[in-house]
């Protein structure tokens, strides 16, 4: 049967309560002096009378997007688990992740990162396009297309086909050179006819030989030495260049200038 609770008056008079209170008093008496010594850890006030003014930001920067980007040289602020070992790092390099570059050491990684391979591929594409344009231009403009070898002979007799192609191209080059010479000759004859027409009608012939010098033989221009004429003070030219002011002094007429510069 559970005992009934003891009244408060009897509790205070009980020996157990006396032991607890005496122990508490003993513990207070035995506390060290450093616990009773009071120290002030509050920040001291600065002597500056000016209030602190924060720097005005150039724009609104939320805490999630600070102005300073975290540097990769410094250690990360947070560590997520223990550091990886060398074996785990090597395994990560050899592992294939979705939508990522191929791992190091694989063929696709070498194919995508080799610079010389991409240089050779680019030059090969450019040279192949240039050869295709040259071949199509030759086939569409040559009058000797019937003399070219057939495509089937290129596989059966490649050397003979290439030799025949070279001969046809040489004939084509001679034909183009002959046409160019004829066009140039016609232009020179046209210039000569125009010069004869100007001479017959007494038209000035200063720049008529310009095109002829480009297309035909160089035109030698005759030069004549002309002695400078001494102008008299009474000549009309001197009168135009010089004048007398109100004081009777002879002065030179000022040169007209455009915008005051020339």
C-alpha atoms as a PDB file:
ATOM      1  CA  UNK A   1       0.000   0.000   0.000  1.00  0.00           C
ATOM      2  CA  UNK A   2       1.468   3.354  -1.043  1.00  0.00           C
ATOM      3  CA  UNK A   3       2.288   5.733   1.769  1.00  0.00           C
ATOM      4  CA  UNK A   4       0.472   9.073   2.001  1.00  0.00           C
ATOM      5  CA  UNK A   5       2.431  12.257   1.122  1.00  0.00           C
ATOM      6  CA  UNK A   6       4.079  14.049   4.007  1.00  0.00           C
ATOM      7  CA  UNK A   7       2.797  17.514   4.962  1.00  0.00           C
ATOM      8  CA  UNK A   8       5.002  20.545   4.173  1.00  0.00           C
ATOM      9  CA  UNK A   9       5.628  21.340   7.829  1.00  0.00           C
ATOM     10  CA  UNK A  10       6.878  17.842   8.471  1.00  0.00           C
ATOM     11  CA  UNK A  11       8.989  17.957   5.287  1.00  0.00           C
ATOM     12  CA  UNK A  12      10.860  21.036   6.509  1.00  0.00           C
ATOM     13  CA  UNK A  13      11.514  19.334   9.849  1.00  0.00           C
ATOM     14  CA  UNK A  14      12.607  16.030   8.335  1.00  0.00           C
ATOM     15  CA  UNK A  15      16.368  15.120   8.450  1.00  0.00           C
ATOM     16  CA  UNK A  16      16.494  14.546   4.657  1.00  0.00           C
ATOM     17  CA  UNK A  17      15.428  18.125   3.953  1.00  0.00           C
ATOM     18  CA  UNK A  18      18.039  19.358   6.419  1.00  0.00           C
ATOM     19  CA  UNK A  19      20.772  17.446   4.636  1.00  0.00           C
ATOM     20  CA  UNK A  20      19.758  18.884   1.221  1.00  0.00           C
ATOM     21  CA  UNK A  21      19.713  22.482   2.443  1.00  0.00           C
ATOM     22  CA  UNK A  22      23.044  22.106   4.243  1.00  0.00           C
ATOM     23  CA  UNK A  23      24.599  20.612   1.104  1.00  0.00           C
ATOM     24  CA  UNK A  24      23.416  23.562  -0.983  1.00  0.00           C
ATOM     25  CA  UNK A  25      24.866  26.032   1.502  1.00  0.00           C
ATOM     26  CA  UNK A  26      28.148  24.108   1.571  1.00  0.00           C
ATOM     27  CA  UNK A  27      28.357  24.185  -2.207  1.00  0.00           C
ATOM     28  CA  UNK A  28      27.806  27.978  -2.236  1.00  0.00           C
ATOM     29  CA  UNK A  29      30.537  28.435   0.351  1.00  0.00           C
ATOM     30  CA  UNK A  30      32.966  26.312  -1.634  1.00  0.00           C
ATOM     31  CA  UNK A  31      32.496  28.193  -5.008  1.00  0.00           C
ATOM     32  CA  UNK A  32      35.766  29.686  -6.350  1.00  0.00           C
ATOM     33  CA  UNK A  33      36.364  33.390  -6.437  1.00  0.00           C
ATOM     34  CA  UNK A  34      36.560  33.472 -10.250  1.00  0.00           C
ATOM     35  CA  UNK A  35      32.866  32.550 -10.502  1.00  0.00           C
ATOM     36  CA  UNK A  36      31.917  35.422  -8.232  1.00  0.00           C
ATOM     37  CA  UNK A  37      34.164  37.904 -10.095  1.00  0.00           C
ATOM     38  CA  UNK A  38      32.173  39.899 -12.653  1.00  0.00           C
ATOM     39  CA  UNK A  39      33.614  40.712 -16.058  1.00  0.00           C
ATOM     40  CA  UNK A  40      32.189  43.065 -18.644  1.00  0.00           C
ATOM     41  CA  UNK A  41      32.455  41.681 -22.180  1.00  0.00           C
ATOM     42  CA  UNK A  42      30.394  44.408 -23.838  1.00  0.00           C
ATOM     43  CA  UNK A  43      31.973  46.169 -26.818  1.00  0.00           C
ATOM     44  CA  UNK A  44      33.527  49.503 -26.076  1.00  0.00           C
ATOM     45  CA  UNK A  45      32.115  52.499 -27.867  1.00  0.00           C
ATOM     46  CA  UNK A  46      34.324  54.086 -30.489  1.00  0.00           C
ATOM     47  CA  UNK A  47      35.367  57.660 -30.153  1.00  0.00           C
ATOM     48  CA  UNK A  48      34.278  58.466 -33.693  1.00  0.00           C
ATOM     49  CA  UNK A  49      31.363  60.804 -33.577  1.00  0.00           C
ATOM     50  CA  UNK A  50      30.503  60.170 -37.243  1.00  0.00           C
ATOM     51  CA  UNK A  51      27.855  57.540 -37.853  1.00  0.00           C
ATOM     52  CA  UNK A  52      28.710  54.421 -39.827  1.00  0.00           C
ATOM     53  CA  UNK A  53      27.588  54.678 -43.450  1.00  0.00           C
ATOM     54  CA  UNK A  54      27.362  51.566 -45.565  1.00  0.00           C
ATOM     55  CA  UNK A  55      28.547  51.628 -49.165  1.00  0.00           C
ATOM     56  CA  UNK A  56      25.757  52.139 -51.652  1.00  0.00           C
ATOM     57  CA  UNK A  57      25.435  49.089 -53.948  1.00  0.00           C
ATOM     58  CA  UNK A  58      25.393  49.577 -57.700  1.00  0.00           C
ATOM     59  CA  UNK A  59      22.260  47.447 -57.987  1.00  0.00           C
ATOM     60  CA  UNK A  60      20.036  45.149 -55.971  1.00  0.00           C
ATOM     61  CA  UNK A  61      21.930  41.990 -55.059  1.00  0.00           C
ATOM     62  CA  UNK A  62      19.970  39.306 -53.234  1.00  0.00           C
ATOM     63  CA  UNK A  63      21.818  37.062 -50.785  1.00  0.00           C
ATOM     64  CA  UNK A  64      21.636  34.168 -53.227  1.00  0.00           C
ATOM     65  CA  UNK A  65      23.580  36.152 -55.887  1.00  0.00           C
ATOM     66  CA  UNK A  66      26.419  38.038 -54.174  1.00  0.00           C
ATOM     67  CA  UNK A  67      28.751  40.393 -55.973  1.00  0.00           C
ATOM     68  CA  UNK A  68      31.849  38.377 -55.217  1.00  0.00           C
ATOM     69  CA  UNK A  69      32.132  35.097 -57.024  1.00  0.00           C
ATOM     70  CA  UNK A  70      33.659  32.340 -54.896  1.00  0.00           C
ATOM     71  CA  UNK A  71      37.203  31.602 -56.010  1.00  0.00           C
ATOM     72  CA  UNK A  72      38.251  28.094 -56.937  1.00  0.00           C
ATOM     73  CA  UNK A  73      41.676  28.619 -55.332  1.00  0.00           C
ATOM     74  CA  UNK A  74      40.239  28.793 -51.853  1.00  0.00           C
ATOM     75  CA  UNK A  75      38.870  25.822 -50.059  1.00  0.00           C
ATOM     76  CA  UNK A  76      35.110  25.379 -50.264  1.00  0.00           C
ATOM     77  CA  UNK A  77      33.135  26.827 -47.405  1.00  0.00           C
ATOM     78  CA  UNK A  78      31.139  23.656 -46.916  1.00  0.00           C
ATOM     79  CA  UNK A  79      32.365  20.083 -47.102  1.00  0.00           C
ATOM     80  CA  UNK A  80      29.914  17.408 -48.092  1.00  0.00           C
ATOM     81  CA  UNK A  81      31.266  14.235 -46.667  1.00  0.00           C
ATOM     82  CA  UNK A  82      34.841  12.958 -46.530  1.00  0.00           C
ATOM     83  CA  UNK A  83      37.350  13.596 -49.283  1.00  0.00           C
ATOM     84  CA  UNK A  84      37.572  11.143 -52.136  1.00  0.00           C
ATOM     85  CA  UNK A  85      40.552   8.867 -52.354  1.00  0.00           C
ATOM     86  CA  UNK A  86      42.864   8.616 -55.355  1.00  0.00           C
ATOM     87  CA  UNK A  87      41.232   5.382 -56.463  1.00  0.00           C
ATOM     88  CA  UNK A  88      37.764   6.953 -56.387  1.00  0.00           C
ATOM     89  CA  UNK A  89      38.979   9.984 -58.368  1.00  0.00           C
ATOM     90  CA  UNK A  90      40.555   7.718 -60.981  1.00  0.00           C
ATOM     91  CA  UNK A  91      37.309   5.750 -61.205  1.00  0.00           C
ATOM     92  CA  UNK A  92      35.340   8.967 -61.751  1.00  0.00           C
ATOM     93  CA  UNK A  93      37.626   9.925 -64.655  1.00  0.00           C
ATOM     94  CA  UNK A  94      36.989   6.589 -66.379  1.00  0.00           C
ATOM     95  CA  UNK A  95      33.246   6.599 -65.749  1.00  0.00           C
ATOM     96  CA  UNK A  96      30.782   7.599 -68.463  1.00  0.00           C
ATOM     97  CA  UNK A  97      28.131  10.077 -67.310  1.00  0.00           C
ATOM     98  CA  UNK A  98      24.988  10.910 -69.326  1.00  0.00           C
ATOM     99  CA  UNK A  99      25.104  14.115 -71.432  1.00  0.00           C
ATOM    100  CA  UNK A 100      28.775  14.659 -70.543  1.00  0.00           C
ATOM    101  CA  UNK A 101      32.121  14.442 -72.335  1.00  0.00           C
ATOM    102  CA  UNK A 102      33.538  10.951 -72.834  1.00  0.00           C
ATOM    103  CA  UNK A 103      36.001   9.825 -70.154  1.00  0.00           C
ATOM    104  CA  UNK A 104      39.728  10.315 -70.583  1.00  0.00           C
ATOM    105  CA  UNK A 105      41.542   7.540 -72.382  1.00  0.00           C
ATOM    106  CA  UNK A 106      38.609   6.599 -74.623  1.00  0.00           C
ATOM    107  CA  UNK A 107      38.583   6.902 -78.423  1.00  0.00           C
ATOM    108  CA  UNK A 108      35.798   9.501 -78.479  1.00  0.00           C
ATOM    109  CA  UNK A 109      37.690  11.714 -76.006  1.00  0.00           C
ATOM    110  CA  UNK A 110      40.797  11.565 -78.242  1.00  0.00           C
ATOM    111  CA  UNK A 111      38.725  12.236 -81.360  1.00  0.00           C
ATOM    112  CA  UNK A 112      36.992  15.281 -79.854  1.00  0.00           C
ATOM    113  CA  UNK A 113      40.038  16.857 -78.166  1.00  0.00           C
ATOM    114  CA  UNK A 114      42.841  16.245 -80.694  1.00  0.00           C
ATOM    115  CA  UNK A 115      43.623  19.580 -82.387  1.00  0.00           C
ATOM    116  CA  UNK A 116      45.834  18.286 -85.206  1.00  0.00           C
ATOM    117  CA  UNK A 117      43.143  15.842 -86.253  1.00  0.00           C
ATOM    118  CA  UNK A 118      40.628  18.687 -86.565  1.00  0.00           C
ATOM    119  CA  UNK A 119      43.177  20.770 -88.536  1.00  0.00           C
ATOM    120  CA  UNK A 120      43.635  17.942 -91.047  1.00  0.00           C
ATOM    121  CA  UNK A 121      39.875  17.447 -91.327  1.00  0.00           C
ATOM    122  CA  UNK A 122      39.263  21.180 -91.933  1.00  0.00           C
ATOM    123  CA  UNK A 123      42.018  21.453 -94.553  1.00  0.00           C
ATOM    124  CA  UNK A 124      40.791  18.300 -96.258  1.00  0.00           C
ATOM    125  CA  UNK A 125      37.256  19.668 -96.505  1.00  0.00           C
ATOM    126  CA  UNK A 126      38.492  23.019 -97.872  1.00  0.00           C
ATOM    127  CA  UNK A 127      40.767  21.430-100.485  1.00  0.00           C
ATOM    128  CA  UNK A 128      38.051  19.012-101.573  1.00  0.00           C
ATOM    129  CA  UNK A 129      35.569  21.879-102.037  1.00  0.00           C
ATOM    130  CA  UNK A 130      38.145  23.902-104.010  1.00  0.00           C
ATOM    131  CA  UNK A 131      38.900  20.917-106.284  1.00  0.00           C
ATOM    132  CA  UNK A 132      35.173  20.321-106.836  1.00  0.00           C
ATOM    133  CA  UNK A 133      34.615  23.972-107.842  1.00  0.00           C
ATOM    134  CA  UNK A 134      37.628  23.877-110.191  1.00  0.00           C
ATOM    135  CA  UNK A 135      36.462  20.627-111.809  1.00  0.00           C
ATOM    136  CA  UNK A 136      32.880  21.824-112.334  1.00  0.00           C
ATOM    137  CA  UNK A 137      34.101  25.133-113.775  1.00  0.00           C
ATOM    138  CA  UNK A 138      36.401  23.280-116.171  1.00  0.00           C
ATOM    139  CA  UNK A 139      33.692  20.840-117.289  1.00  0.00           C
ATOM    140  CA  UNK A 140      31.125  23.588-117.927  1.00  0.00           C
ATOM    141  CA  UNK A 141      33.459  26.015-119.756  1.00  0.00           C
ATOM    142  CA  UNK A 142      35.740  23.783-121.830  1.00  0.00           C
ATOM    143  CA  UNK A 143      34.895  23.191-125.530  1.00  0.00           C
ATOM    144  CA  UNK A 144      36.813  19.869-125.455  1.00  0.00           C
ATOM    145  CA  UNK A 145      34.566  17.999-123.070  1.00  0.00           C
ATOM    146  CA  UNK A 146      34.004  15.238-125.615  1.00  0.00           C
ATOM    147  CA  UNK A 147      37.723  14.374-125.520  1.00  0.00           C
ATOM    148  CA  UNK A 148      37.688  13.689-121.774  1.00  0.00           C
ATOM    149  CA  UNK A 149      37.922  10.050-120.642  1.00  0.00           C
ATOM    150  CA  UNK A 150      34.874   8.282-119.294  1.00  0.00           C
ATOM    151  CA  UNK A 151      34.376   7.666-115.593  1.00  0.00           C
ATOM    152  CA  UNK A 152      34.588   3.895-115.985  1.00  0.00           C
ATOM    153  CA  UNK A 153      38.084   4.191-117.493  1.00  0.00           C
ATOM    154  CA  UNK A 154      39.277   6.010-114.376  1.00  0.00           C
ATOM    155  CA  UNK A 155      38.946   2.777-112.395  1.00  0.00           C
ATOM    156  CA  UNK A 156      40.213   0.388-115.058  1.00  0.00           C
ATOM    157  CA  UNK A 157      43.031   2.555-116.504  1.00  0.00           C
ATOM    158  CA  UNK A 158      43.732   5.359-114.020  1.00  0.00           C
ATOM    159  CA  UNK A 159      47.133   6.424-115.413  1.00  0.00           C
ATOM    160  CA  UNK A 160      45.908   6.635-118.991  1.00  0.00           C
ATOM    161  CA  UNK A 161      42.811   8.575-117.905  1.00  0.00           C
ATOM    162  CA  UNK A 162      44.855  11.094-115.911  1.00  0.00           C
ATOM    163  CA  UNK A 163      47.275  11.576-118.843  1.00  0.00           C
ATOM    164  CA  UNK A 164      44.383  12.200-121.234  1.00  0.00           C
ATOM    165  CA  UNK A 165      42.775  14.592-118.760  1.00  0.00           C
ATOM    166  CA  UNK A 166      46.047  16.552-118.548  1.00  0.00           C
ATOM    167  CA  UNK A 167      46.294  16.837-122.330  1.00  0.00           C
ATOM    168  CA  UNK A 168      42.712  18.097-122.589  1.00  0.00           C
ATOM    169  CA  UNK A 169      43.324  20.641-119.836  1.00  0.00           C
ATOM    170  CA  UNK A 170      46.433  21.900-121.659  1.00  0.00           C
ATOM    171  CA  UNK A 171      44.368  22.393-124.817  1.00  0.00           C
ATOM    172  CA  UNK A 172      41.734  24.217-122.768  1.00  0.00           C
ATOM    173  CA  UNK A 173      44.369  26.555-121.263  1.00  0.00           C
ATOM    174  CA  UNK A 174      45.741  27.383-124.741  1.00  0.00           C
ATOM    175  CA  UNK A 175      42.222  28.081-125.996  1.00  0.00           C
ATOM    176  CA  UNK A 176      41.522  30.452-123.088  1.00  0.00           C
ATOM    177  CA  UNK A 177      44.845  32.254-123.677  1.00  0.00           C
ATOM    178  CA  UNK A 178      44.046  32.682-127.380  1.00  0.00           C
ATOM    179  CA  UNK A 179      40.598  34.111-126.615  1.00  0.00           C
ATOM    180  CA  UNK A 180      42.092  36.544-124.098  1.00  0.00           C
ATOM    181  CA  UNK A 181      44.701  37.736-126.625  1.00  0.00           C
ATOM    182  CA  UNK A 182      42.011  38.296-129.258  1.00  0.00           C
ATOM    183  CA  UNK A 183      39.874  40.333-126.832  1.00  0.00           C
ATOM    184  CA  UNK A 184      42.888  42.437-125.911  1.00  0.00           C
ATOM    185  CA  UNK A 185      43.743  42.996-129.584  1.00  0.00           C
ATOM    186  CA  UNK A 186      40.200  44.120-130.352  1.00  0.00           C
ATOM    187  CA  UNK A 187      40.288  46.612-127.482  1.00  0.00           C
ATOM    188  CA  UNK A 188      43.621  48.034-128.682  1.00  0.00           C
ATOM    189  CA  UNK A 189      42.275  48.405-132.222  1.00  0.00           C
ATOM    190  CA  UNK A 190      39.206  50.160-130.859  1.00  0.00           C
ATOM    191  CA  UNK A 191      41.422  52.611-128.959  1.00  0.00           C
ATOM    192  CA  UNK A 192      43.498  53.294-132.102  1.00  0.00           C
ATOM    193  CA  UNK A 193      40.374  53.978-134.143  1.00  0.00           C
ATOM    194  CA  UNK A 194      39.136  56.440-131.531  1.00  0.00           C
ATOM    195  CA  UNK A 195      42.514  58.210-131.536  1.00  0.00           C
ATOM    196  CA  UNK A 196      42.474  58.520-135.343  1.00  0.00           C
ATOM    197  CA  UNK A 197      38.940  59.915-135.193  1.00  0.00           C
ATOM    198  CA  UNK A 198      40.014  62.558-132.662  1.00  0.00           C
ATOM    199  CA  UNK A 199      43.032  63.545-134.765  1.00  0.00           C
ATOM    200  CA  UNK A 200      40.884  63.839-137.894  1.00  0.00           C
ATOM    201  CA  UNK A 201      38.370  66.111-136.153  1.00  0.00           C
ATOM    202  CA  UNK A 202      40.913  68.121-134.153  1.00  0.00           C
ATOM    203  CA  UNK A 203      39.772  66.953-130.725  1.00  0.00           C
ATOM    204  CA  UNK A 204      42.165  67.382-127.790  1.00  0.00           C
ATOM    205  CA  UNK A 205      44.254  64.253-127.251  1.00  0.00           C
ATOM    206  CA  UNK A 206      45.520  64.394-123.681  1.00  0.00           C
ATOM    207  CA  UNK A 207      44.233  61.202-122.086  1.00  0.00           C
ATOM    208  CA  UNK A 208      43.466  59.187-125.196  1.00  0.00           C
ATOM    209  CA  UNK A 209      46.527  56.961-124.888  1.00  0.00           C
ATOM    210  CA  UNK A 210      45.776  55.895-121.299  1.00  0.00           C
ATOM    211  CA  UNK A 211      43.884  52.740-122.207  1.00  0.00           C
ATOM    212  CA  UNK A 212      46.288  52.042-125.037  1.00  0.00           C
ATOM    213  CA  UNK A 213      49.225  52.106-122.632  1.00  0.00           C
ATOM    214  CA  UNK A 214      47.484  49.508-120.478  1.00  0.00           C
ATOM    215  CA  UNK A 215      46.427  47.224-123.302  1.00  0.00           C
ATOM    216  CA  UNK A 216      49.021  47.765-126.022  1.00  0.00           C
ATOM    217  CA  UNK A 217      52.534  49.132-126.348  1.00  0.00           C
ATOM    218  CA  UNK A 218      53.595  51.851-123.943  1.00  0.00           C
ATOM    219  CA  UNK A 219      53.100  55.316-125.358  1.00  0.00           C
ATOM    220  CA  UNK A 220      56.146  57.561-125.080  1.00  0.00           C
ATOM    221  CA  UNK A 221      55.141  61.072-124.258  1.00  0.00           C
ATOM    222  CA  UNK A 222      57.331  63.737-125.761  1.00  0.00           C
ATOM    223  CA  UNK A 223      58.552  66.286-123.278  1.00  0.00           C
ATOM    224  CA  UNK A 224      59.587  69.785-124.272  1.00  0.00           C
ATOM    225  CA  UNK A 225      61.615  72.157-122.163  1.00  0.00           C
ATOM    226  CA  UNK A 226      59.748  75.435-121.781  1.00  0.00           C
ATOM    227  CA  UNK A 227      61.636  78.445-120.491  1.00  0.00           C
ATOM    228  CA  UNK A 228      59.808  80.417-117.810  1.00  0.00           C
ATOM    229  CA  UNK A 229      58.647  83.811-118.939  1.00  0.00           C
ATOM    230  CA  UNK A 230      59.798  86.806-116.929  1.00  0.00           C
ATOM    231  CA  UNK A 231      56.784  88.877-116.046  1.00  0.00           C
ATOM    232  CA  UNK A 232      57.032  92.594-115.841  1.00  0.00           C
ATOM    233  CA  UNK A 233      55.676  94.655-113.008  1.00  0.00           C
ATOM    234  CA  UNK A 234      53.423  96.354-115.537  1.00  0.00           C
ATOM    235  CA  UNK A 235      52.056  93.054-116.853  1.00  0.00           C
ATOM    236  CA  UNK A 236      48.378  92.271-116.281  1.00  0.00           C
ATOM    237  CA  UNK A 237      49.315  89.234-114.203  1.00  0.00           C
ATOM    238  CA  UNK A 238      51.403  91.325-111.851  1.00  0.00           C
ATOM    239  CA  UNK A 239      48.611  93.853-111.575  1.00  0.00           C
ATOM    240  CA  UNK A 240      46.209  91.105-110.567  1.00  0.00           C
ATOM    241  CA  UNK A 241      48.562  89.670-107.939  1.00  0.00           C
ATOM    242  CA  UNK A 242      49.681  93.010-106.420  1.00  0.00           C
ATOM    243  CA  UNK A 243      47.839  96.181-105.426  1.00  0.00           C
ATOM    244  CA  UNK A 244      48.408  99.453-103.537  1.00  0.00           C
ATOM    245  CA  UNK A 245      46.675 100.192-100.267  1.00  0.00           C
ATOM    246  CA  UNK A 246      45.373 103.600 -99.089  1.00  0.00           C
ATOM    247  CA  UNK A 247      48.813 104.642 -97.846  1.00  0.00           C
ATOM    248  CA  UNK A 248      50.358 104.049-101.264  1.00  0.00           C
ATOM    249  CA  UNK A 249      52.287 100.909-100.285  1.00  0.00           C
ATOM    250  CA  UNK A 250      52.353  98.062-102.761  1.00  0.00           C
ATOM    251  CA  UNK A 251      51.079  94.825-101.214  1.00  0.00           C
ATOM    252  CA  UNK A 252      50.319  91.335-102.411  1.00  0.00           C
ATOM    253  CA  UNK A 253      46.720  90.361-102.883  1.00  0.00           C
ATOM    254  CA  UNK A 254      45.641  87.787-100.231  1.00  0.00           C
ATOM    255  CA  UNK A 255      44.966  84.304-101.479  1.00  0.00           C
ATOM    256  CA  UNK A 256      41.392  83.126-101.239  1.00  0.00           C
ATOM    257  CA  UNK A 257      40.964  80.278 -98.769  1.00  0.00           C
ATOM    258  CA  UNK A 258      38.145  77.815 -98.318  1.00  0.00           C
ATOM    259  CA  UNK A 259      36.889  77.687 -94.742  1.00  0.00           C
ATOM    260  CA  UNK A 260      40.010  79.619 -93.700  1.00  0.00           C
ATOM    261  CA  UNK A 261      42.267  76.576 -94.182  1.00  0.00           C
ATOM    262  CA  UNK A 262      43.253  76.302 -97.856  1.00  0.00           C
END
